[in-house]
Amino acid sequence: MPVIDTPAPAGTHPAAPAAARMTTRSRLILLLLCAAQFIVALDFSVLNVALPALGTDLGMGQGDLQWAVTAFALPAGGFLLLFGRIADLYGRRRLFLSGLALFTAASVLAALAQGPAALLAGRALQGLGAAVIVPTGMSLLTTTFAEGPQRERALGISGTLLSMGFTIGMVLGGVLTDLLGWRSTMGVLAVAGTAVLVTAPVLLTESRHPARPRIDIPGAVTVTGGLLSVIYALSTAAEQGFGRPDVVAALVAGLVLLALFVVVESRADQPLVSLPMLRRRSVAWGNLAGLTTFAMMSTVVFLLTLYLQEVLRLSALWTGLVFGVQGVVSAVSGIVAPKVIARLGARNTLVTGLALQAGGTAALLGLGAGAGGVWLALAAVTLAGLFHLWVIVSYGVIATSGLADTEQGLATGLVTSSQQMGITLGIPLLSAVAAAHSAALRAAGGGFADATLGGIKLALGVDAAVVAVVAVLVATGLRAAGAARRVRIAGN
């Protein structure tokens, strides 16, 4: 009977050969690409705590301030898949540099804005630049580093910085606004973008899909329109509620367009998204885990910021220290995660990380209005953040392994879409839950602090439950995928 070599599960490897060691150039490329991802993640949150000061300076009312965030989120989430595909066809390096240039110029425009229109235009262009940088940067990363230990290490560092960028942005925004004013939050992005833009041409080489097929225009229109509509609906509902006619109309239109997108892609000769790729269980379940972990962990950070500042009345500095501890632990976890994957396998690491992230989030249900709550918040968010990084690294490995270089743009476009869509959608969804419950408690006679805490705890409970359910689904789905693979191998 012939002996058939069965491929090891994604993320498991023998002792790393010498070739797995990174060269000095590859380390510099990784640093450059991670810096670009970090800047984009920073932009998702750095302006949040500066909104009151911004509104006073530019004459924007309370109801209009959400657009300073939504104007960025709409194009950042809506155009990811399209630009990931364009980069495959016309050059990842070229598009990456173009996105960086646009993002940097838009940051300058936002920093110098003298009125709402200029600010919102700058934020929208920042979002468009981010939609170019993220998928092209990730596809450059996965085509630069070979599948195996090198790529796992690179994904671990990238995921760590992406996760930390959102947290650090919340802290940095408060510090910069207090010291230098809200414009400095946009200025620091312009300076950082310029530094990366100057360095990138020296290190990066061009890569593209060798066949250069046509762009799927109907698919691009339906998926972009669908994502824009859904993001608008959820972002607006977080501030205004789901009862507004425009929110309902946008949500329905978005879901219809996304359903139409699936139909279009199933019939297209050269689809924007390969449905056979999505039918790969590793790709599908990996990206579900990624979307969930980013959506729920970014929401935990946001809700805890509200808790620490509005319930416990901590200053921005003390709030920053809480998240600073979490950031340090997360950074270490991201570095250690590839070693955990090598020992446990990517699937086991992913499921374990999801389960323990859910456990850390559930512990936050013990928060109270007393000063002791800060210690529980510190311990629980640090625990959740530690295992959140296990999920980030392992899902990136699972969702991009076993694919040709020509498919990496599509695969990493899905990976980065799940990341950015998670950050974009999680906060408005659960913020709406928290706000609605807090309003109900206040209407029933509850005080501001108690009502706010009640809304936050309900949202945290939903957060933990979602992660726990997804952990079970992913474990079941990936186990079935492994069983099917073993059957196919045996049949050969």
Protein backbone atom coordinates (compact mmCIF):
# COMPACT_ATOMS: atom_id res chain seq x y z
CA MET A 1 0.00 0.00 0.00
CA PRO A 2 1.51 3.36 -0.94
CA VAL A 3 2.16 5.86 1.79
CA ILE A 4 0.41 9.18 1.28
CA ASP A 5 1.91 12.26 2.89
CA THR A 6 -0.90 14.24 4.46
CA PRO A 7 -0.28 17.97 4.64
CA ALA A 8 0.02 19.34 8.13
CA PRO A 9 -2.82 21.53 9.29
CA ALA A 10 -2.34 25.23 8.70
CA GLY A 11 -0.05 26.70 11.26
CA THR A 12 1.82 23.51 12.20
CA HIS A 13 5.40 23.09 11.03
CA PRO A 14 8.50 21.11 11.74
CA ALA A 15 11.50 22.89 13.13
CA ALA A 16 11.91 26.09 11.21
CA PRO A 17 14.70 25.91 8.65
CA ALA A 18 17.29 28.57 8.28
CA ALA A 19 15.36 29.96 5.35
CA ALA A 20 12.55 30.85 7.78
CA ARG A 21 14.77 33.50 9.36
CA MET A 22 14.02 36.99 8.13
CA THR A 23 16.68 39.02 6.39
CA THR A 24 17.36 42.63 7.33
CA ARG A 25 15.49 43.80 4.23
CA SER A 26 12.47 41.64 4.97
CA ARG A 27 12.38 42.99 8.54
CA LEU A 28 12.39 46.54 7.19
CA ILE A 29 9.58 45.70 4.75
CA LEU A 30 7.56 44.18 7.60
CA LEU A 31 8.15 47.27 9.73
CA LEU A 32 7.05 49.53 6.88
CA LEU A 33 3.87 47.57 6.10
CA CYS A 34 2.95 47.24 9.76
CA ALA A 35 3.48 50.97 10.27
CA ALA A 36 1.02 51.70 7.47
CA GLN A 37 -1.58 49.34 8.98
CA PHE A 38 -1.02 50.87 12.41
CA ILE A 39 -1.61 54.40 11.12
CA VAL A 40 -4.93 53.36 9.58
CA ALA A 41 -6.03 51.61 12.78
CA LEU A 42 -5.06 54.75 14.72
CA ASP A 43 -7.26 56.85 12.46
CA PHE A 44 -10.32 54.76 13.36
CA SER A 45 -10.24 56.01 16.95
CA VAL A 46 -7.86 58.94 17.40
CA LEU A 47 -10.53 61.58 16.73
CA ASN A 48 -13.25 60.05 18.94
CA VAL A 49 -12.33 61.75 22.21
CA ALA A 50 -11.58 65.02 20.39
CA LEU A 51 -15.11 65.37 18.96
CA PRO A 52 -16.43 67.85 21.59
CA ALA A 53 -13.46 70.20 21.06
CA LEU A 54 -13.75 69.80 17.30
CA GLY A 55 -17.46 70.61 17.37
CA THR A 56 -16.89 73.79 19.37
CA ASP A 57 -14.11 74.96 17.07
CA LEU A 58 -15.90 74.27 13.78
CA GLY A 59 -19.44 75.04 14.88
CA MET A 60 -20.75 71.50 14.49
CA GLY A 61 -23.77 70.52 16.56
CA GLN A 62 -23.90 67.42 18.72
CA GLY A 63 -25.99 65.55 16.16
CA ASP A 64 -23.48 66.31 13.39
CA LEU A 65 -20.35 65.14 15.19
CA GLN A 66 -20.91 61.49 14.31
CA TRP A 67 -20.20 62.38 10.68
CA ALA A 68 -16.58 63.13 11.55
CA VAL A 69 -16.30 59.39 12.28
CA THR A 70 -18.80 58.06 9.74
CA ALA A 71 -17.25 60.03 6.85
CA PHE A 72 -14.06 58.03 7.40
CA ALA A 73 -15.72 54.67 8.09
CA LEU A 74 -17.93 54.65 4.99
CA PRO A 75 -15.22 54.57 2.29
CA ALA A 76 -12.73 52.74 4.55
CA GLY A 77 -15.06 49.76 4.82
CA GLY A 78 -16.94 50.11 1.55
CA PHE A 79 -14.10 50.05 -0.97
CA LEU A 80 -11.77 47.43 0.55
CA LEU A 81 -12.66 44.52 -1.71
CA LEU A 82 -12.58 46.64 -4.85
CA PHE A 83 -9.12 48.06 -4.20
CA GLY A 84 -7.79 44.67 -3.12
CA ARG A 85 -8.73 43.34 -6.56
CA ILE A 86 -7.45 46.40 -8.45
CA ALA A 87 -4.10 45.97 -6.70
CA ASP A 88 -3.87 42.36 -7.91
CA LEU A 89 -4.40 43.49 -11.49
CA TYR A 90 -2.50 46.75 -11.79
CA GLY A 91 0.25 46.55 -9.19
CA ARG A 92 0.18 46.33 -5.40
CA ARG A 93 3.16 48.61 -4.84
CA ARG A 94 1.79 51.29 -7.17
CA LEU A 95 -1.61 51.30 -5.51
CA PHE A 96 -0.13 51.15 -2.00
CA LEU A 97 1.93 54.28 -2.66
CA SER A 98 -1.07 56.04 -4.21
CA GLY A 99 -3.19 55.22 -1.17
CA LEU A 100 -0.50 56.50 1.19
CA ALA A 101 -0.20 59.75 -0.75
CA LEU A 102 -3.97 60.27 -0.70
CA PHE A 103 -4.22 59.44 3.02
CA THR A 104 -1.40 61.83 3.92
CA ALA A 105 -2.77 64.71 1.85
CA ALA A 106 -6.26 64.13 3.28
CA SER A 107 -4.85 64.24 6.82
CA VAL A 108 -3.34 67.65 6.09
CA LEU A 109 -6.69 68.83 4.68
CA ALA A 110 -8.53 67.64 7.82
CA ALA A 111 -5.96 69.23 10.14
CA LEU A 112 -6.27 72.61 8.39
CA ALA A 113 -10.07 72.54 8.00
CA GLN A 114 -11.80 75.81 8.83
CA GLY A 115 -15.34 74.47 8.53
CA PRO A 116 -17.37 71.24 8.61
CA ALA A 117 -17.30 70.73 4.84
CA ALA A 118 -13.50 70.72 4.60
CA LEU A 119 -13.18 68.45 7.62
CA LEU A 120 -15.67 65.91 6.29
CA ALA A 121 -14.04 65.96 2.86
CA GLY A 122 -10.66 65.29 4.46
CA ARG A 123 -12.08 62.47 6.56
CA ALA A 124 -13.77 60.86 3.54
CA LEU A 125 -10.53 61.02 1.54
CA GLN A 126 -8.65 59.56 4.50
CA GLY A 127 -11.11 56.66 4.47
CA LEU A 128 -10.64 56.18 0.73
CA GLY A 129 -6.87 56.14 1.20
CA ALA A 130 -7.25 53.63 4.03
CA ALA A 131 -9.34 51.38 1.76
CA VAL A 132 -6.36 51.30 -0.61
CA ILE A 133 -3.60 50.92 1.99
CA VAL A 134 -5.07 48.06 4.01
CA PRO A 135 -5.65 45.37 1.35
CA THR A 136 -2.58 46.28 -0.71
CA GLY A 137 -0.39 46.32 2.40
CA MET A 138 -1.66 42.91 3.48
CA SER A 139 -1.24 41.36 0.04
CA LEU A 140 2.31 42.75 -0.14
CA LEU A 141 2.95 41.17 3.25
CA THR A 142 1.65 37.73 2.33
CA THR A 143 3.46 37.67 -1.02
CA THR A 144 6.71 38.88 0.59
CA PHE A 145 6.72 36.25 3.34
CA ALA A 146 6.39 32.59 2.41
CA GLU A 147 3.62 30.47 3.88
CA GLY A 148 4.83 28.95 7.13
CA PRO A 149 6.76 30.35 10.12
CA GLN A 150 7.78 33.58 8.35
CA ARG A 151 4.25 34.49 7.36
CA GLU A 152 2.84 33.51 10.75
CA ARG A 153 5.37 35.74 12.49
CA ALA A 154 4.64 38.60 10.09
CA LEU A 155 0.87 38.21 10.54
CA GLY A 156 1.35 38.11 14.30
CA ILE A 157 3.23 41.40 14.36
CA SER A 158 0.82 43.01 11.90
CA GLY A 159 -2.23 41.87 13.83
CA THR A 160 -0.75 43.06 17.10
CA LEU A 161 -0.11 46.55 15.77
CA LEU A 162 -3.52 46.72 14.10
CA SER A 163 -5.26 45.81 17.34
CA MET A 164 -3.07 48.14 19.39
CA GLY A 165 -3.62 50.99 16.95
CA PHE A 166 -7.30 51.23 17.81
CA THR A 167 -6.59 51.17 21.57
CA ILE A 168 -3.67 53.58 21.39
CA GLY A 169 -5.73 55.93 19.24
CA MET A 170 -8.29 56.33 22.03
CA VAL A 171 -5.53 57.28 24.47
CA LEU A 172 -3.41 59.36 22.10
CA GLY A 173 -6.42 61.35 20.94
CA GLY A 174 -7.17 62.50 24.47
CA VAL A 175 -3.57 63.40 25.28
CA LEU A 176 -3.02 65.31 22.03
CA THR A 177 -6.32 67.16 22.31
CA ASP A 178 -5.55 68.25 25.87
CA LEU A 179 -2.02 69.39 25.04
CA LEU A 180 -2.19 70.69 21.46
CA GLY A 181 -5.83 70.78 20.36
CA TRP A 182 -7.90 68.48 18.14
CA ARG A 183 -6.03 69.42 14.95
CA SER A 184 -2.93 67.65 16.27
CA THR A 185 -4.76 64.30 16.02
CA MET A 186 -4.90 64.76 12.26
CA GLY A 187 -1.45 66.32 12.11
CA VAL A 188 0.23 63.30 13.67
CA LEU A 189 -1.34 61.08 10.99
CA ALA A 190 0.02 63.37 8.27
CA VAL A 191 3.54 63.22 9.74
CA ALA A 192 3.43 59.44 10.12
CA GLY A 193 2.00 58.98 6.62
CA THR A 194 4.76 61.13 5.14
CA ALA A 195 7.46 59.06 6.87
CA VAL A 196 6.06 55.80 5.47
CA LEU A 197 5.51 57.32 2.02
CA VAL A 198 9.12 58.50 1.77
CA THR A 199 10.51 55.12 2.81
CA ALA A 200 8.22 52.77 0.87
CA PRO A 201 9.59 53.25 -2.68
CA VAL A 202 13.07 52.23 -1.53
CA LEU A 203 11.97 48.92 -0.01
CA LEU A 204 8.96 47.66 -1.95
CA THR A 205 9.04 45.93 -5.33
CA GLU A 206 6.10 45.65 -7.70
CA SER A 207 3.86 42.60 -7.85
CA ARG A 208 0.60 41.90 -9.66
CA HIS A 209 -1.57 39.11 -11.00
CA PRO A 210 0.22 37.78 -14.13
CA ALA A 211 -2.95 37.39 -16.22
CA ARG A 212 -4.40 40.87 -15.50
CA PRO A 213 -8.07 39.92 -16.00
CA ARG A 214 -10.89 42.45 -16.30
CA ILE A 215 -12.43 44.10 -13.24
CA ASP A 216 -15.88 42.82 -12.38
CA ILE A 217 -17.81 46.12 -12.62
CA PRO A 218 -21.29 44.79 -11.62
CA GLY A 219 -19.73 43.04 -8.64
CA ALA A 220 -17.81 46.16 -7.65
CA VAL A 221 -20.95 48.32 -7.81
CA THR A 222 -23.14 45.94 -5.80
CA VAL A 223 -20.63 45.09 -3.06
CA THR A 224 -19.45 48.68 -2.63
CA GLY A 225 -23.00 50.03 -2.59
CA GLY A 226 -24.10 47.32 -0.20
CA LEU A 227 -21.25 47.89 2.24
CA LEU A 228 -21.67 51.67 2.14
CA SER A 229 -25.39 51.36 2.85
CA VAL A 230 -24.97 48.94 5.75
CA ILE A 231 -22.16 50.98 7.34
CA TYR A 232 -24.22 54.18 7.02
CA ALA A 233 -27.27 52.52 8.58
CA LEU A 234 -25.41 51.09 11.56
CA SER A 235 -23.31 54.21 12.17
CA THR A 236 -26.38 56.44 12.11
CA ALA A 237 -28.45 54.06 14.24
CA ALA A 238 -25.81 54.17 16.98
CA GLU A 239 -26.57 57.87 17.44
CA GLN A 240 -30.15 58.26 16.26
CA GLY A 241 -31.72 54.80 16.70
CA PHE A 242 -33.09 52.30 14.20
CA GLY A 243 -36.48 54.02 13.85
CA ARG A 244 -35.40 56.66 11.36
CA PRO A 245 -36.68 56.05 7.81
CA ASP A 246 -33.27 56.66 6.24
CA VAL A 247 -31.65 54.09 8.55
CA VAL A 248 -34.24 51.43 7.69
CA ALA A 249 -34.04 52.23 3.96
CA ALA A 250 -30.23 52.12 3.95
CA LEU A 251 -30.13 48.83 5.86
CA VAL A 252 -32.64 47.16 3.55
CA ALA A 253 -30.91 48.53 0.44
CA GLY A 254 -27.53 47.35 1.72
CA LEU A 255 -28.71 43.82 2.42
CA VAL A 256 -30.44 43.61 -0.97
CA LEU A 257 -27.30 44.82 -2.77
CA LEU A 258 -25.09 42.34 -0.90
CA ALA A 259 -27.47 39.50 -1.81
CA LEU A 260 -27.40 40.69 -5.43
CA PHE A 261 -23.61 40.76 -5.24
CA VAL A 262 -23.58 37.04 -4.42
CA VAL A 263 -25.81 36.36 -7.46
CA VAL A 264 -23.62 38.50 -9.73
CA GLU A 265 -20.43 36.80 -8.55
CA SER A 266 -21.88 33.33 -9.15
CA ARG A 267 -22.37 34.20 -12.84
CA ALA A 268 -19.34 36.38 -13.55
CA ASP A 269 -16.52 35.05 -15.75
CA GLN A 270 -13.92 36.94 -13.75
CA PRO A 271 -15.55 37.69 -10.37
CA LEU A 272 -14.37 40.28 -7.89
CA VAL A 273 -14.66 37.66 -5.14
CA SER A 274 -14.12 34.01 -5.92
CA LEU A 275 -17.14 32.15 -4.54
CA PRO A 276 -15.22 28.85 -4.73
CA MET A 277 -12.66 30.49 -2.43
CA LEU A 278 -15.43 31.51 -0.04
CA ARG A 279 -16.70 27.94 -0.13
CA ARG A 280 -13.36 26.82 1.26
CA ARG A 281 -14.24 26.22 4.87
CA SER A 282 -10.91 27.52 6.11
CA VAL A 283 -11.48 30.84 4.35
CA ALA A 284 -15.12 31.17 5.41
CA TRP A 285 -14.73 30.15 9.05
CA GLY A 286 -11.44 31.98 9.43
CA ASN A 287 -12.93 35.24 8.24
CA LEU A 288 -16.02 34.84 10.43
CA ALA A 289 -13.70 34.49 13.42
CA GLY A 290 -11.72 37.54 12.32
CA LEU A 291 -14.76 39.75 11.83
CA THR A 292 -16.13 38.69 15.22
CA THR A 293 -12.93 39.16 17.20
CA PHE A 294 -12.29 42.64 15.79
CA ALA A 295 -15.92 43.75 16.13
CA MET A 296 -16.30 42.57 19.69
CA MET A 297 -12.86 43.54 21.04
CA SER A 298 -12.97 47.06 19.61
CA THR A 299 -16.41 47.38 21.19
CA VAL A 300 -15.05 46.28 24.57
CA VAL A 301 -12.42 49.03 24.38
CA PHE A 302 -15.02 51.62 23.41
CA LEU A 303 -17.51 50.60 26.12
CA LEU A 304 -14.83 50.50 28.80
CA THR A 305 -13.72 53.99 27.81
CA LEU A 306 -17.28 55.15 28.49
CA TYR A 307 -17.35 53.23 31.78
CA LEU A 308 -14.05 54.59 33.07
CA GLN A 309 -14.75 58.20 32.10
CA GLU A 310 -18.53 58.56 32.49
CA VAL A 311 -19.26 56.15 35.35
CA LEU A 312 -16.01 56.19 37.37
CA ARG A 313 -15.07 59.72 36.23
CA LEU A 314 -11.45 58.83 35.59
CA SER A 315 -9.28 61.26 33.66
CA ALA A 316 -8.00 60.56 30.16
CA LEU A 317 -4.57 59.87 31.66
CA TRP A 318 -5.78 57.15 34.04
CA THR A 319 -7.98 55.68 31.34
CA GLY A 320 -4.93 55.57 29.11
CA LEU A 321 -2.95 53.70 31.75
CA VAL A 322 -5.62 50.98 31.92
CA PHE A 323 -5.46 50.45 28.18
CA GLY A 324 -1.71 50.88 28.19
CA VAL A 325 -1.35 47.76 30.32
CA GLN A 326 -3.64 45.89 27.96
CA GLY A 327 -1.62 47.15 24.99
CA VAL A 328 1.68 45.89 26.41
CA VAL A 329 0.23 42.45 27.20
CA SER A 330 -1.36 42.27 23.74
CA ALA A 331 1.95 43.14 22.10
CA VAL A 332 3.69 40.29 23.91
CA SER A 333 0.80 37.95 23.06
CA GLY A 334 1.06 38.79 19.37
CA ILE A 335 4.74 37.88 19.39
CA VAL A 336 4.13 34.63 21.28
CA ALA A 337 1.08 33.59 19.22
CA PRO A 338 3.05 31.97 16.33
CA LYS A 339 4.79 29.72 18.87
CA VAL A 340 1.42 28.77 20.31
CA ILE A 341 0.21 27.95 16.79
CA ALA A 342 3.28 25.80 16.16
CA ARG A 343 2.48 23.80 19.30
CA LEU A 344 -1.34 23.66 19.23
CA GLY A 345 -2.10 24.16 15.53
CA ALA A 346 -3.92 27.13 14.07
CA ARG A 347 -7.41 25.67 14.54
CA ASN A 348 -6.97 24.90 18.24
CA THR A 349 -5.33 28.27 18.86
CA LEU A 350 -8.18 30.06 17.11
CA VAL A 351 -10.95 28.31 19.03
CA THR A 352 -9.14 28.61 22.37
CA GLY A 353 -8.52 32.30 21.77
CA LEU A 354 -12.17 32.97 20.96
CA ALA A 355 -13.39 31.06 24.03
CA LEU A 356 -11.02 32.87 26.39
CA GLN A 357 -11.74 36.27 24.81
CA ALA A 358 -15.41 35.58 25.53
CA GLY A 359 -14.53 34.64 29.12
CA GLY A 360 -12.56 37.82 29.71
CA THR A 361 -15.41 39.90 28.31
CA ALA A 362 -17.99 38.05 30.42
CA ALA A 363 -15.98 38.87 33.56
CA LEU A 364 -16.75 42.54 32.89
CA LEU A 365 -20.37 41.88 33.81
CA GLY A 366 -19.18 42.24 37.41
CA LEU A 367 -18.41 45.94 36.93
CA GLY A 368 -19.95 48.31 39.44
CA ALA A 369 -20.11 52.02 40.13
CA GLY A 370 -17.49 51.81 42.89
CA ALA A 371 -13.82 52.68 42.50
CA GLY A 372 -12.87 49.00 42.72
CA GLY A 373 -14.33 48.49 39.25
CA VAL A 374 -11.17 49.84 37.69
CA TRP A 375 -9.19 46.79 38.85
CA LEU A 376 -11.72 44.37 37.42
CA ALA A 377 -11.76 46.37 34.17
CA LEU A 378 -7.95 46.27 34.03
CA ALA A 379 -7.71 42.53 34.66
CA ALA A 380 -10.58 41.47 32.39
CA VAL A 381 -9.73 43.64 29.38
CA THR A 382 -6.08 42.57 29.64
CA LEU A 383 -7.13 38.90 29.65
CA ALA A 384 -9.52 39.39 26.72
CA GLY A 385 -6.89 41.36 24.79
CA LEU A 386 -4.25 38.69 25.35
CA PHE A 387 -6.34 35.95 23.74
CA HIS A 388 -7.75 38.34 21.14
CA LEU A 389 -4.25 38.37 19.63
CA TRP A 390 -4.22 34.58 19.45
CA VAL A 391 -7.36 34.81 17.35
CA ILE A 392 -5.95 37.52 15.07
CA VAL A 393 -2.80 35.61 14.20
CA SER A 394 -4.42 32.19 13.83
CA TYR A 395 -7.35 33.34 11.72
CA GLY A 396 -4.99 35.16 9.36
CA VAL A 397 -2.98 31.96 8.98
CA ILE A 398 -6.06 29.79 8.38
CA ALA A 399 -7.72 32.17 5.92
CA THR A 400 -4.63 32.65 3.70
CA SER A 401 -2.92 29.24 3.80
CA GLY A 402 -2.96 26.84 0.86
CA LEU A 403 -3.59 29.55 -1.76
CA ALA A 404 -1.49 30.55 -4.78
CA ASP A 405 0.21 33.94 -4.87
CA THR A 406 -2.24 34.98 -7.59
CA GLU A 407 -5.09 34.48 -5.10
CA GLN A 408 -3.43 36.25 -2.21
CA GLY A 409 -4.93 39.64 -3.06
CA LEU A 410 -8.43 38.14 -2.95
CA ALA A 411 -7.71 36.22 0.24
CA THR A 412 -6.07 39.10 2.05
CA GLY A 413 -8.80 41.42 0.76
CA LEU A 414 -11.25 39.18 2.61
CA VAL A 415 -9.03 39.09 5.69
CA THR A 416 -8.61 42.83 5.82
CA SER A 417 -12.28 43.38 5.02
CA SER A 418 -13.23 41.25 8.01
CA GLN A 419 -10.85 43.28 10.19
CA GLN A 420 -12.01 46.70 9.05
CA MET A 421 -15.68 45.74 8.83
CA GLY A 422 -15.42 44.38 12.34
CA ILE A 423 -14.02 47.63 13.70
CA THR A 424 -16.54 49.61 11.65
CA LEU A 425 -19.68 47.62 12.52
CA GLY A 426 -19.12 46.34 16.05
CA ILE A 427 -19.12 49.67 17.87
CA PRO A 428 -22.25 51.19 16.29
CA LEU A 429 -24.19 47.95 16.72
CA LEU A 430 -23.49 47.44 20.41
CA SER A 431 -23.42 51.18 21.14
CA ALA A 432 -27.02 51.24 19.91
CA VAL A 433 -27.83 48.39 22.32
CA ALA A 434 -26.15 50.20 25.22
CA ALA A 435 -27.74 53.56 24.40
CA ALA A 436 -31.25 52.11 24.09
CA HIS A 437 -31.04 50.26 27.41
CA SER A 438 -29.52 53.27 29.19
CA ALA A 439 -32.34 55.48 27.88
CA ALA A 440 -34.94 52.96 29.12
CA LEU A 441 -33.34 52.88 32.57
CA ARG A 442 -33.27 56.68 32.77
CA ALA A 443 -36.91 56.84 31.70
CA ALA A 444 -37.70 54.44 34.55
CA GLY A 445 -36.13 56.85 37.04
CA GLY A 446 -32.53 55.62 37.17
CA GLY A 447 -29.64 58.01 37.71
CA PHE A 448 -27.22 58.86 34.92
CA ALA A 449 -24.31 56.75 36.19
CA ASP A 450 -26.45 53.70 37.00
CA ALA A 451 -28.33 53.91 33.69
CA THR A 452 -25.09 54.28 31.74
CA LEU A 453 -23.57 51.32 33.58
CA GLY A 454 -26.67 49.21 32.90
CA GLY A 455 -26.48 49.90 29.17
CA ILE A 456 -22.77 49.16 29.06
CA LYS A 457 -23.17 45.84 30.91
CA LEU A 458 -25.98 44.70 28.62
CA ALA A 459 -23.83 45.43 25.56
CA LEU A 460 -20.85 43.62 27.13
CA GLY A 461 -23.07 40.61 27.81
CA VAL A 462 -24.16 40.52 24.17
CA ASP A 463 -20.51 40.92 23.15
CA ALA A 464 -19.37 37.92 25.23
CA ALA A 465 -22.29 35.78 24.02
CA VAL A 466 -21.56 36.50 20.35
CA VAL A 467 -17.88 35.55 20.71
CA ALA A 468 -18.78 32.35 22.59
CA VAL A 469 -21.31 31.29 19.96
CA VAL A 470 -18.87 31.98 17.13
CA ALA A 471 -16.20 29.95 18.95
CA VAL A 472 -18.51 26.92 18.91
CA LEU A 473 -19.47 27.46 15.26
CA VAL A 474 -15.86 27.86 14.13
CA ALA A 475 -14.72 24.80 16.09
CA THR A 476 -17.45 22.71 14.48
CA GLY A 477 -16.90 24.11 10.99
CA LEU A 478 -13.12 23.69 10.97
CA ARG A 479 -13.36 20.21 12.46
CA ALA A 480 -15.70 19.23 9.63
CA ALA A 481 -13.28 20.78 7.12
CA GLY A 482 -10.43 18.70 8.55
CA ALA A 483 -12.50 15.53 8.38
CA ALA A 484 -13.45 16.22 4.75
CA ARG A 485 -9.80 16.79 3.83
CA ARG A 486 -8.77 13.49 5.41
CA VAL A 487 -11.50 11.67 3.47
CA ARG A 488 -10.32 13.20 0.19
CA ILE A 489 -6.72 12.19 0.91
CA ALA A 490 -7.75 8.65 1.81
CA GLY A 491 -9.76 8.42 -1.43
CA ASN A 492 -6.68 9.23 -3.44
